[in-house]
């Protein structure tokens, strides 16, 4: 009799505490949803990392120059075969105060001594407002490039930086960058 009661008790306890297949399926579905959510979050973080890596590569300067508490960093020099142009991208960063920068008289000289003038219609704004510590991207396009130049011997331009507080207290300077490699596309 004791054996029968013990057997019945064990049978009921296993059925009573055991999970049904529907409960297990619902738990599996819930775990799958959580895994998919985590995968989506991981993919989102990966895409953000790629974006940040590209931003770091874009803003990695080829050449850097600092004058009058303003930093100029060449980030990209690209030639366009179809349009016969060369584009120079550079960042301008104010180190001391907010100011307006007037950039003008752009020219480049190749190894053969050819001088190219800027196409200001295809270039970006050449009078940027600078905020302390915030980089501003400027793109200057040079037209009528004769050959596929590999090196620009000289890239120069003049600047006039006018502080927001007192525009009469401006500073003028000439920026010169030498030996820039051109990447043709």
N, C-alpha and C. Protein backbone atom coordinates (compact mmCIF):
# COMPACT_ATOMS: atom_id res chain seq x y z
N UNK A 1 0.82 -1.18 0.00
CA UNK A 1 0.00 0.00 0.00
C UNK A 1 0.87 1.26 0.00
N UNK A 2 1.90 1.23 0.81
CA UNK A 2 2.81 2.37 0.85
C UNK A 2 3.48 2.59 -0.51
N UNK A 3 3.79 1.46 -1.16
CA UNK A 3 4.42 1.59 -2.48
C UNK A 3 3.45 2.21 -3.48
N UNK A 4 2.21 1.87 -3.40
CA UNK A 4 1.21 2.41 -4.32
C UNK A 4 1.03 3.91 -4.08
N UNK A 5 0.94 4.30 -2.82
CA UNK A 5 0.79 5.71 -2.49
C UNK A 5 2.03 6.50 -2.93
N UNK A 6 3.19 5.92 -2.71
CA UNK A 6 4.43 6.58 -3.12
C UNK A 6 4.49 6.75 -4.63
N UNK A 7 4.08 5.72 -5.36
CA UNK A 7 4.08 5.78 -6.82
C UNK A 7 3.10 6.84 -7.32
N UNK A 8 1.91 6.87 -6.74
CA UNK A 8 0.91 7.85 -7.14
C UNK A 8 1.41 9.26 -6.81
N UNK A 9 2.00 9.43 -5.65
CA UNK A 9 2.54 10.74 -5.25
C UNK A 9 3.62 11.21 -6.22
N UNK A 10 4.53 10.33 -6.58
CA UNK A 10 5.60 10.69 -7.53
C UNK A 10 5.04 11.04 -8.90
N UNK A 11 4.04 10.30 -9.36
CA UNK A 11 3.42 10.58 -10.65
C UNK A 11 2.77 11.96 -10.66
N UNK A 12 2.00 12.26 -9.62
CA UNK A 12 1.34 13.55 -9.56
C UNK A 12 2.33 14.70 -9.41
N UNK A 13 3.39 14.49 -8.67
CA UNK A 13 4.38 15.56 -8.49
C UNK A 13 5.09 15.88 -9.79
N UNK A 14 5.42 14.87 -10.58
CA UNK A 14 6.10 15.15 -11.86
C UNK A 14 5.16 15.84 -12.83
N UNK A 15 3.89 15.45 -12.86
CA UNK A 15 2.94 16.11 -13.74
C UNK A 15 2.59 17.51 -13.23
N UNK A 16 2.52 17.65 -11.94
CA UNK A 16 2.16 18.94 -11.36
C UNK A 16 3.25 19.98 -11.53
N UNK A 17 4.50 19.59 -11.38
CA UNK A 17 5.59 20.54 -11.49
C UNK A 17 6.18 20.61 -12.89
N UNK A 18 5.84 19.72 -13.74
CA UNK A 18 6.37 19.70 -15.10
C UNK A 18 5.72 20.79 -15.94
N UNK A 19 6.42 21.24 -17.00
CA UNK A 19 5.89 22.28 -17.87
C UNK A 19 5.27 21.63 -19.10
N UNK A 20 4.23 22.25 -19.56
CA UNK A 20 3.60 21.74 -20.77
C UNK A 20 4.36 22.24 -21.99
N UNK A 21 4.10 21.65 -23.12
CA UNK A 21 4.81 22.05 -24.35
C UNK A 21 4.42 23.46 -24.77
N UNK A 22 3.20 23.88 -24.51
CA UNK A 22 2.80 25.24 -24.87
C UNK A 22 3.56 26.27 -24.05
N UNK A 23 3.77 25.98 -22.77
CA UNK A 23 4.56 26.89 -21.94
C UNK A 23 5.99 26.97 -22.43
N UNK A 24 6.56 25.83 -22.77
CA UNK A 24 7.93 25.82 -23.28
C UNK A 24 8.04 26.57 -24.60
N UNK A 25 7.05 26.39 -25.48
CA UNK A 25 7.07 27.09 -26.77
C UNK A 25 6.98 28.60 -26.56
N UNK A 26 6.14 29.04 -25.64
CA UNK A 26 6.02 30.48 -25.40
C UNK A 26 7.31 31.04 -24.82
N UNK A 27 7.98 30.30 -23.94
CA UNK A 27 9.27 30.75 -23.40
C UNK A 27 10.32 30.81 -24.51
N UNK A 28 10.33 29.82 -25.39
CA UNK A 28 11.29 29.81 -26.50
C UNK A 28 11.03 31.00 -27.41
N UNK A 29 9.76 31.30 -27.72
CA UNK A 29 9.43 32.45 -28.56
C UNK A 29 9.88 33.75 -27.90
N UNK A 30 9.68 33.85 -26.60
CA UNK A 30 10.10 35.06 -25.88
C UNK A 30 11.62 35.22 -25.93
N UNK A 31 12.34 34.13 -25.76
CA UNK A 31 13.81 34.18 -25.81
C UNK A 31 14.27 34.55 -27.22
N UNK A 32 13.60 34.03 -28.25
CA UNK A 32 13.95 34.37 -29.63
C UNK A 32 13.74 35.86 -29.89
N UNK A 33 12.64 36.43 -29.37
CA UNK A 33 12.39 37.86 -29.52
C UNK A 33 13.48 38.68 -28.85
N UNK A 34 13.89 38.27 -27.66
CA UNK A 34 14.96 38.97 -26.95
C UNK A 34 16.27 38.89 -27.73
N UNK A 35 16.55 37.73 -28.31
CA UNK A 35 17.77 37.57 -29.11
C UNK A 35 17.73 38.48 -30.33
N UNK A 36 16.58 38.56 -31.01
CA UNK A 36 16.45 39.44 -32.17
C UNK A 36 16.62 40.90 -31.79
N UNK A 37 16.06 41.28 -30.65
CA UNK A 37 16.22 42.65 -30.17
C UNK A 37 17.69 42.96 -29.90
N UNK A 38 18.38 42.03 -29.27
CA UNK A 38 19.81 42.23 -28.99
C UNK A 38 20.61 42.28 -30.28
N UNK A 39 20.26 41.45 -31.26
CA UNK A 39 20.95 41.50 -32.56
C UNK A 39 20.77 42.85 -33.23
N UNK A 40 19.54 43.38 -33.19
CA UNK A 40 19.28 44.69 -33.77
C UNK A 40 20.10 45.78 -33.07
N UNK A 41 20.18 45.70 -31.76
CA UNK A 41 20.98 46.67 -31.01
C UNK A 41 22.45 46.56 -31.37
N UNK A 42 22.94 45.34 -31.51
CA UNK A 42 24.35 45.13 -31.89
C UNK A 42 24.61 45.69 -33.28
N UNK A 43 23.70 45.45 -34.23
CA UNK A 43 23.86 45.99 -35.58
C UNK A 43 23.83 47.51 -35.57
N UNK A 44 22.98 48.09 -34.74
CA UNK A 44 22.93 49.55 -34.62
C UNK A 44 24.25 50.11 -34.09
N UNK A 45 24.79 49.47 -33.07
CA UNK A 45 26.08 49.91 -32.51
C UNK A 45 27.19 49.75 -33.54
N UNK A 46 27.16 48.65 -34.31
CA UNK A 46 28.17 48.45 -35.35
C UNK A 46 28.11 49.54 -36.40
N UNK A 47 26.89 49.92 -36.83
CA UNK A 47 26.77 50.97 -37.84
C UNK A 47 27.22 52.32 -37.28
N UNK A 48 26.94 52.58 -36.00
CA UNK A 48 27.42 53.81 -35.38
C UNK A 48 28.95 53.82 -35.32
N UNK A 49 29.55 52.68 -35.01
CA UNK A 49 31.01 52.59 -34.97
C UNK A 49 31.60 52.85 -36.34
N UNK A 50 31.00 52.29 -37.40
CA UNK A 50 31.49 52.54 -38.76
C UNK A 50 31.40 54.02 -39.11
N UNK A 51 30.27 54.65 -38.74
CA UNK A 51 30.11 56.07 -39.01
C UNK A 51 31.19 56.88 -38.30
N UNK A 52 31.44 56.56 -37.04
CA UNK A 52 32.45 57.30 -36.28
C UNK A 52 33.85 57.06 -36.82
N UNK A 53 34.13 55.83 -37.28
CA UNK A 53 35.44 55.56 -37.88
C UNK A 53 35.61 56.37 -39.16
N UNK A 54 34.55 56.45 -39.97
CA UNK A 54 34.63 57.24 -41.20
C UNK A 54 34.82 58.72 -40.87
N UNK A 55 34.13 59.19 -39.85
CA UNK A 55 34.28 60.59 -39.45
C UNK A 55 35.71 60.86 -39.01
N UNK A 56 36.31 59.92 -38.30
CA UNK A 56 37.70 60.10 -37.89
C UNK A 56 38.63 60.09 -39.09
N UNK A 57 38.38 59.21 -40.06
CA UNK A 57 39.21 59.17 -41.25
C UNK A 57 39.07 60.44 -42.07
N UNK A 58 37.84 60.94 -42.17
CA UNK A 58 37.60 62.16 -42.95
C UNK A 58 38.33 63.34 -42.33
N UNK A 59 38.29 63.44 -41.02
CA UNK A 59 38.88 64.58 -40.34
C UNK A 59 40.35 64.38 -39.99
N UNK A 60 40.94 63.31 -40.46
CA UNK A 60 42.35 63.07 -40.22
C UNK A 60 43.16 63.97 -41.16
N UNK A 61 43.90 64.93 -40.64
CA UNK A 61 44.56 65.89 -41.52
C UNK A 61 45.75 65.31 -42.27
N UNK A 62 45.88 65.72 -43.53
CA UNK A 62 47.05 65.40 -44.33
C UNK A 62 48.18 66.36 -43.94
N UNK A 63 47.84 67.64 -43.91
CA UNK A 63 48.77 68.69 -43.46
C UNK A 63 48.03 69.63 -42.52
N UNK A 64 48.77 70.23 -41.62
CA UNK A 64 48.17 71.09 -40.60
C UNK A 64 49.01 72.35 -40.46
N UNK A 65 48.33 73.49 -40.27
CA UNK A 65 49.01 74.77 -40.14
C UNK A 65 48.23 75.62 -39.14
N UNK A 66 48.94 76.35 -38.28
CA UNK A 66 48.26 77.21 -37.32
C UNK A 66 48.84 78.62 -37.40
N UNK A 67 47.94 79.59 -37.59
CA UNK A 67 48.32 81.01 -37.60
C UNK A 67 47.22 81.81 -36.93
N UNK A 68 47.61 82.81 -36.16
CA UNK A 68 46.67 83.73 -35.51
C UNK A 68 45.57 83.00 -34.74
N UNK A 69 45.95 81.98 -33.98
CA UNK A 69 45.02 81.20 -33.17
C UNK A 69 43.91 80.54 -33.99
N UNK A 70 44.22 80.21 -35.23
CA UNK A 70 43.30 79.48 -36.10
C UNK A 70 44.08 78.34 -36.74
N UNK A 71 43.48 77.13 -36.71
CA UNK A 71 44.13 75.96 -37.28
C UNK A 71 43.49 75.64 -38.63
N UNK A 72 44.34 75.34 -39.62
CA UNK A 72 43.91 74.93 -40.95
C UNK A 72 44.44 73.52 -41.19
N UNK A 73 43.53 72.58 -41.51
CA UNK A 73 43.92 71.18 -41.71
C UNK A 73 43.42 70.70 -43.07
N UNK A 74 44.33 70.35 -43.96
CA UNK A 74 43.95 69.75 -45.25
C UNK A 74 43.52 68.31 -44.96
N UNK A 75 42.30 67.95 -45.38
CA UNK A 75 41.80 66.59 -45.11
C UNK A 75 41.70 65.74 -46.37
N UNK A 76 41.53 66.38 -47.54
CA UNK A 76 41.37 65.58 -48.76
C UNK A 76 41.73 66.42 -49.98
N UNK A 77 42.46 65.79 -50.92
CA UNK A 77 42.78 66.42 -52.21
C UNK A 77 42.41 65.40 -53.29
N UNK A 78 41.35 65.71 -54.05
CA UNK A 78 40.81 64.75 -55.01
C UNK A 78 40.68 65.40 -56.38
N UNK A 79 41.13 64.67 -57.41
CA UNK A 79 40.96 65.11 -58.79
C UNK A 79 39.80 64.39 -59.44
N UNK A 80 39.06 65.10 -60.28
CA UNK A 80 37.94 64.52 -61.02
C UNK A 80 38.31 64.48 -62.50
N UNK A 81 38.48 63.27 -63.04
CA UNK A 81 38.91 63.11 -64.44
C UNK A 81 37.89 63.68 -65.42
N UNK A 82 36.61 63.44 -65.18
CA UNK A 82 35.57 63.87 -66.11
C UNK A 82 35.47 65.39 -66.20
N UNK A 83 35.45 66.03 -65.05
CA UNK A 83 35.28 67.49 -65.01
C UNK A 83 36.59 68.25 -65.12
N UNK A 84 37.71 67.54 -65.05
CA UNK A 84 39.05 68.14 -65.07
C UNK A 84 39.18 69.20 -63.98
N UNK A 85 38.86 68.76 -62.76
CA UNK A 85 38.95 69.64 -61.59
C UNK A 85 39.71 68.96 -60.48
N UNK A 86 40.19 69.77 -59.56
CA UNK A 86 40.80 69.28 -58.32
C UNK A 86 40.07 69.95 -57.17
N UNK A 87 39.63 69.14 -56.19
CA UNK A 87 38.94 69.65 -55.01
C UNK A 87 39.85 69.48 -53.79
N UNK A 88 39.97 70.53 -53.03
CA UNK A 88 40.74 70.49 -51.79
C UNK A 88 39.79 70.77 -50.63
N UNK A 89 39.69 69.81 -49.72
CA UNK A 89 38.87 69.97 -48.52
C UNK A 89 39.79 70.27 -47.34
N UNK A 90 39.40 71.26 -46.55
CA UNK A 90 40.17 71.54 -45.34
C UNK A 90 39.24 72.01 -44.23
N UNK A 91 39.71 71.81 -43.01
CA UNK A 91 38.97 72.23 -41.82
C UNK A 91 39.60 73.50 -41.26
N UNK A 92 38.74 74.38 -40.76
CA UNK A 92 39.21 75.59 -40.08
C UNK A 92 38.67 75.52 -38.66
N UNK A 93 39.56 75.70 -37.68
CA UNK A 93 39.16 75.64 -36.27
C UNK A 93 39.71 76.87 -35.56
N UNK A 94 38.82 77.64 -34.96
CA UNK A 94 39.23 78.80 -34.17
C UNK A 94 39.65 78.34 -32.79
N UNK A 95 40.78 78.84 -32.31
CA UNK A 95 41.30 78.43 -31.00
C UNK A 95 40.99 79.43 -29.88
N UNK A 96 40.75 80.70 -30.23
CA UNK A 96 40.65 81.70 -29.17
C UNK A 96 39.28 82.35 -29.00
N UNK A 97 38.56 82.64 -30.11
CA UNK A 97 37.29 83.34 -29.99
C UNK A 97 36.43 83.09 -31.23
N UNK A 98 35.14 83.42 -31.12
CA UNK A 98 34.25 83.33 -32.26
C UNK A 98 34.61 84.45 -33.23
N UNK A 99 34.62 84.11 -34.52
CA UNK A 99 35.00 85.11 -35.51
C UNK A 99 34.48 84.73 -36.88
N UNK A 100 34.51 85.70 -37.78
CA UNK A 100 34.19 85.46 -39.18
C UNK A 100 35.50 85.43 -39.94
N UNK A 101 35.65 84.42 -40.77
CA UNK A 101 36.87 84.28 -41.55
C UNK A 101 36.55 84.55 -43.01
N UNK A 102 37.28 85.46 -43.60
CA UNK A 102 37.13 85.76 -45.03
C UNK A 102 38.33 85.14 -45.73
N UNK A 103 38.05 84.13 -46.56
CA UNK A 103 39.11 83.39 -47.23
C UNK A 103 39.05 83.74 -48.71
N UNK A 104 40.19 84.11 -49.29
CA UNK A 104 40.20 84.54 -50.70
C UNK A 104 41.56 84.30 -51.34
N UNK A 105 41.64 84.63 -52.62
CA UNK A 105 42.88 84.53 -53.40
C UNK A 105 43.44 83.12 -53.42
N UNK A 106 42.59 82.14 -53.71
CA UNK A 106 43.01 80.75 -53.77
C UNK A 106 43.80 80.49 -55.05
N UNK A 107 44.87 79.73 -54.92
CA UNK A 107 45.58 79.27 -56.12
C UNK A 107 46.39 78.03 -55.78
N UNK A 108 46.59 77.20 -56.82
CA UNK A 108 47.46 76.04 -56.69
C UNK A 108 48.45 76.08 -57.84
N UNK A 109 49.63 75.53 -57.58
CA UNK A 109 50.68 75.44 -58.59
C UNK A 109 51.13 73.99 -58.65
N UNK A 110 51.18 73.44 -59.88
CA UNK A 110 51.65 72.05 -60.02
C UNK A 110 53.16 72.02 -60.22
N UNK A 111 53.70 70.82 -60.39
CA UNK A 111 55.16 70.67 -60.54
C UNK A 111 55.69 71.29 -61.83
N UNK A 112 54.81 71.47 -62.84
CA UNK A 112 55.22 72.08 -64.10
C UNK A 112 55.11 73.60 -64.08
N UNK A 113 54.67 74.16 -62.97
CA UNK A 113 54.56 75.61 -62.86
C UNK A 113 53.21 76.16 -63.30
N UNK A 114 52.27 75.29 -63.67
CA UNK A 114 50.94 75.75 -64.06
C UNK A 114 50.18 76.23 -62.83
N UNK A 115 49.55 77.40 -62.97
CA UNK A 115 48.78 77.98 -61.87
C UNK A 115 47.30 77.81 -62.20
N UNK A 116 46.53 77.32 -61.22
CA UNK A 116 45.10 77.11 -61.42
C UNK A 116 44.33 77.99 -60.44
N UNK A 117 43.26 78.57 -60.95
CA UNK A 117 42.42 79.44 -60.12
C UNK A 117 41.19 78.67 -59.63
N UNK A 118 40.62 79.14 -58.56
CA UNK A 118 39.47 78.48 -57.95
C UNK A 118 38.19 78.77 -58.71
N UNK A 119 37.32 77.77 -58.76
CA UNK A 119 35.97 77.93 -59.30
C UNK A 119 35.05 78.13 -58.09
N UNK A 120 34.79 79.38 -57.74
CA UNK A 120 34.05 79.69 -56.52
C UNK A 120 32.58 79.30 -56.60
N UNK A 121 32.06 79.07 -57.82
CA UNK A 121 30.67 78.63 -57.96
C UNK A 121 30.49 77.18 -57.50
N UNK A 122 31.53 76.36 -57.66
CA UNK A 122 31.46 74.96 -57.24
C UNK A 122 32.03 74.76 -55.84
N UNK A 123 32.64 75.78 -55.30
CA UNK A 123 33.26 75.69 -53.97
C UNK A 123 32.23 76.00 -52.88
N UNK A 124 32.60 75.69 -51.65
CA UNK A 124 31.71 75.99 -50.53
C UNK A 124 31.88 77.45 -50.11
N UNK A 125 31.16 77.84 -49.07
CA UNK A 125 31.20 79.21 -48.55
C UNK A 125 32.62 79.57 -48.12
N UNK A 126 33.11 80.69 -48.61
CA UNK A 126 34.47 81.12 -48.28
C UNK A 126 34.48 82.22 -47.21
N UNK A 127 33.34 82.45 -46.58
CA UNK A 127 33.25 83.40 -45.46
C UNK A 127 32.59 82.73 -44.26
N UNK A 128 33.18 81.66 -43.75
CA UNK A 128 32.52 80.93 -42.66
C UNK A 128 32.59 81.68 -41.33
N UNK A 129 31.55 81.46 -40.52
CA UNK A 129 31.55 81.96 -39.14
C UNK A 129 32.13 80.86 -38.27
N UNK A 130 33.20 81.17 -37.56
CA UNK A 130 33.90 80.19 -36.75
C UNK A 130 33.49 80.31 -35.29
N UNK A 131 33.21 79.17 -34.68
CA UNK A 131 32.93 79.08 -33.26
C UNK A 131 34.12 78.37 -32.61
N UNK A 132 34.51 78.81 -31.44
CA UNK A 132 35.69 78.26 -30.77
C UNK A 132 35.59 76.74 -30.67
N UNK A 133 36.61 76.05 -31.17
CA UNK A 133 36.72 74.60 -31.05
C UNK A 133 35.85 73.78 -31.99
N UNK A 134 35.08 74.43 -32.86
CA UNK A 134 34.18 73.70 -33.78
C UNK A 134 34.79 73.74 -35.18
N UNK A 135 35.09 72.56 -35.76
CA UNK A 135 35.68 72.55 -37.10
C UNK A 135 34.65 72.87 -38.17
N UNK A 136 35.03 73.71 -39.12
CA UNK A 136 34.20 74.05 -40.27
C UNK A 136 34.90 73.51 -41.51
N UNK A 137 34.15 72.73 -42.31
CA UNK A 137 34.71 72.14 -43.52
C UNK A 137 34.56 73.11 -44.69
N UNK A 138 35.64 73.35 -45.40
CA UNK A 138 35.64 74.21 -46.58
C UNK A 138 36.16 73.39 -47.75
N UNK A 139 35.46 73.50 -48.88
CA UNK A 139 35.86 72.78 -50.09
C UNK A 139 36.10 73.81 -51.19
N UNK A 140 37.30 73.76 -51.76
CA UNK A 140 37.65 74.66 -52.85
C UNK A 140 37.91 73.81 -54.09
N UNK A 141 37.27 74.18 -55.21
CA UNK A 141 37.41 73.44 -56.46
C UNK A 141 38.21 74.29 -57.44
N UNK A 142 39.21 73.66 -58.05
CA UNK A 142 40.03 74.31 -59.07
C UNK A 142 39.69 73.71 -60.42
N UNK A 143 39.49 74.58 -61.43
CA UNK A 143 39.01 74.12 -62.73
C UNK A 143 40.11 74.15 -63.78
N UNK A 144 39.78 73.55 -64.93
CA UNK A 144 40.66 73.55 -66.12
C UNK A 144 42.03 72.96 -65.84
N UNK A 145 42.05 71.82 -65.16
CA UNK A 145 43.31 71.14 -64.87
C UNK A 145 43.78 70.46 -66.15
N UNK A 146 45.01 70.73 -66.56
CA UNK A 146 45.53 70.27 -67.84
C UNK A 146 45.76 68.76 -67.84
N UNK A 147 46.53 68.25 -66.94
CA UNK A 147 46.87 66.83 -66.88
C UNK A 147 46.41 66.26 -65.54
N UNK A 148 46.56 64.95 -65.43
CA UNK A 148 46.30 64.31 -64.14
C UNK A 148 47.52 64.50 -63.24
N UNK A 149 47.54 65.62 -62.60
CA UNK A 149 48.66 66.00 -61.74
C UNK A 149 48.68 65.07 -60.53
N UNK A 150 49.85 64.59 -60.18
CA UNK A 150 49.96 63.71 -59.01
C UNK A 150 50.28 64.50 -57.74
N UNK A 151 51.00 65.62 -57.90
CA UNK A 151 51.41 66.41 -56.74
C UNK A 151 51.16 67.89 -57.03
N UNK A 152 50.54 68.56 -56.07
CA UNK A 152 50.43 70.02 -56.12
C UNK A 152 51.59 70.59 -55.31
N UNK A 153 52.41 71.37 -55.97
CA UNK A 153 53.59 71.91 -55.30
C UNK A 153 53.22 72.95 -54.24
N UNK A 154 52.16 73.74 -54.54
CA UNK A 154 51.79 74.82 -53.62
C UNK A 154 50.28 75.05 -53.67
N UNK A 155 49.68 75.17 -52.52
CA UNK A 155 48.29 75.60 -52.38
C UNK A 155 48.31 76.74 -51.39
N UNK A 156 47.85 77.92 -51.83
CA UNK A 156 47.86 79.05 -50.91
C UNK A 156 46.58 79.87 -51.02
N UNK A 157 46.32 80.62 -49.96
CA UNK A 157 45.17 81.51 -49.90
C UNK A 157 45.41 82.50 -48.78
N UNK A 158 44.69 83.62 -48.85
CA UNK A 158 44.81 84.63 -47.79
C UNK A 158 43.55 84.61 -46.94
N UNK A 159 43.72 84.98 -45.68
CA UNK A 159 42.59 85.01 -44.75
C UNK A 159 42.56 86.34 -44.00
N UNK A 160 41.36 86.71 -43.65
CA UNK A 160 41.14 87.86 -42.78
C UNK A 160 40.15 87.39 -41.73
N UNK A 161 40.60 87.34 -40.49
CA UNK A 161 39.76 86.87 -39.39
C UNK A 161 39.29 88.06 -38.56
N UNK A 162 37.96 88.23 -38.51
CA UNK A 162 37.35 89.34 -37.78
C UNK A 162 36.61 88.81 -36.55
N UNK A 163 37.05 89.17 -35.34
CA UNK A 163 36.35 88.73 -34.13
C UNK A 163 34.92 89.27 -34.09
N UNK A 164 34.01 88.50 -33.50
CA UNK A 164 32.62 88.95 -33.38
C UNK A 164 32.51 90.18 -32.50
N UNK A 165 33.32 90.25 -31.47
CA UNK A 165 33.22 91.33 -30.50
C UNK A 165 33.67 92.66 -31.10
N UNK A 166 34.81 92.66 -31.79
CA UNK A 166 35.36 93.89 -32.35
C UNK A 166 35.94 93.58 -33.72
N UNK A 167 35.14 93.79 -34.76
CA UNK A 167 35.58 93.43 -36.11
C UNK A 167 36.71 94.33 -36.62
N UNK A 168 36.94 95.47 -35.98
CA UNK A 168 38.05 96.33 -36.38
C UNK A 168 39.39 95.75 -35.95
N UNK A 169 39.37 94.82 -35.02
CA UNK A 169 40.59 94.19 -34.51
C UNK A 169 40.86 92.89 -35.28
N UNK A 170 40.95 92.98 -36.60
CA UNK A 170 41.10 91.79 -37.43
C UNK A 170 42.57 91.43 -37.62
N UNK A 171 42.78 90.20 -38.08
CA UNK A 171 44.14 89.75 -38.39
C UNK A 171 44.15 89.19 -39.81
N UNK A 172 45.22 89.46 -40.53
CA UNK A 172 45.39 88.96 -41.90
C UNK A 172 46.58 88.02 -41.93
N UNK A 173 46.48 87.00 -42.78
CA UNK A 173 47.62 86.11 -42.96
C UNK A 173 47.47 85.35 -44.28
N UNK A 174 48.57 84.76 -44.71
CA UNK A 174 48.58 83.93 -45.92
C UNK A 174 48.95 82.52 -45.50
N UNK A 175 48.12 81.57 -45.92
CA UNK A 175 48.35 80.15 -45.63
C UNK A 175 48.96 79.48 -46.85
N UNK A 176 50.01 78.70 -46.64
CA UNK A 176 50.66 77.97 -47.73
C UNK A 176 50.85 76.52 -47.32
N UNK A 177 50.39 75.64 -48.20
CA UNK A 177 50.59 74.20 -48.03
C UNK A 177 51.38 73.71 -49.23
N UNK A 178 52.36 72.87 -48.97
CA UNK A 178 53.24 72.39 -50.05
C UNK A 178 53.16 70.87 -50.19
N UNK A 179 53.40 70.43 -51.43
CA UNK A 179 53.52 69.00 -51.76
C UNK A 179 52.30 68.19 -51.34
N UNK A 180 51.16 68.51 -51.93
CA UNK A 180 49.92 67.78 -51.67
C UNK A 180 49.73 66.70 -52.73
N UNK A 181 49.54 65.46 -52.30
CA UNK A 181 49.27 64.36 -53.24
C UNK A 181 47.81 64.40 -53.67
N UNK A 182 47.58 64.24 -54.98
CA UNK A 182 46.23 64.27 -55.54
C UNK A 182 45.77 62.83 -55.80
N UNK A 183 44.58 62.50 -55.33
CA UNK A 183 43.97 61.20 -55.60
C UNK A 183 42.93 61.41 -56.71
N UNK A 184 43.10 60.71 -57.83
CA UNK A 184 42.20 60.88 -58.98
C UNK A 184 41.08 59.85 -58.96
N UNK A 185 39.89 60.32 -59.26
CA UNK A 185 38.71 59.44 -59.33
C UNK A 185 38.04 59.57 -60.67
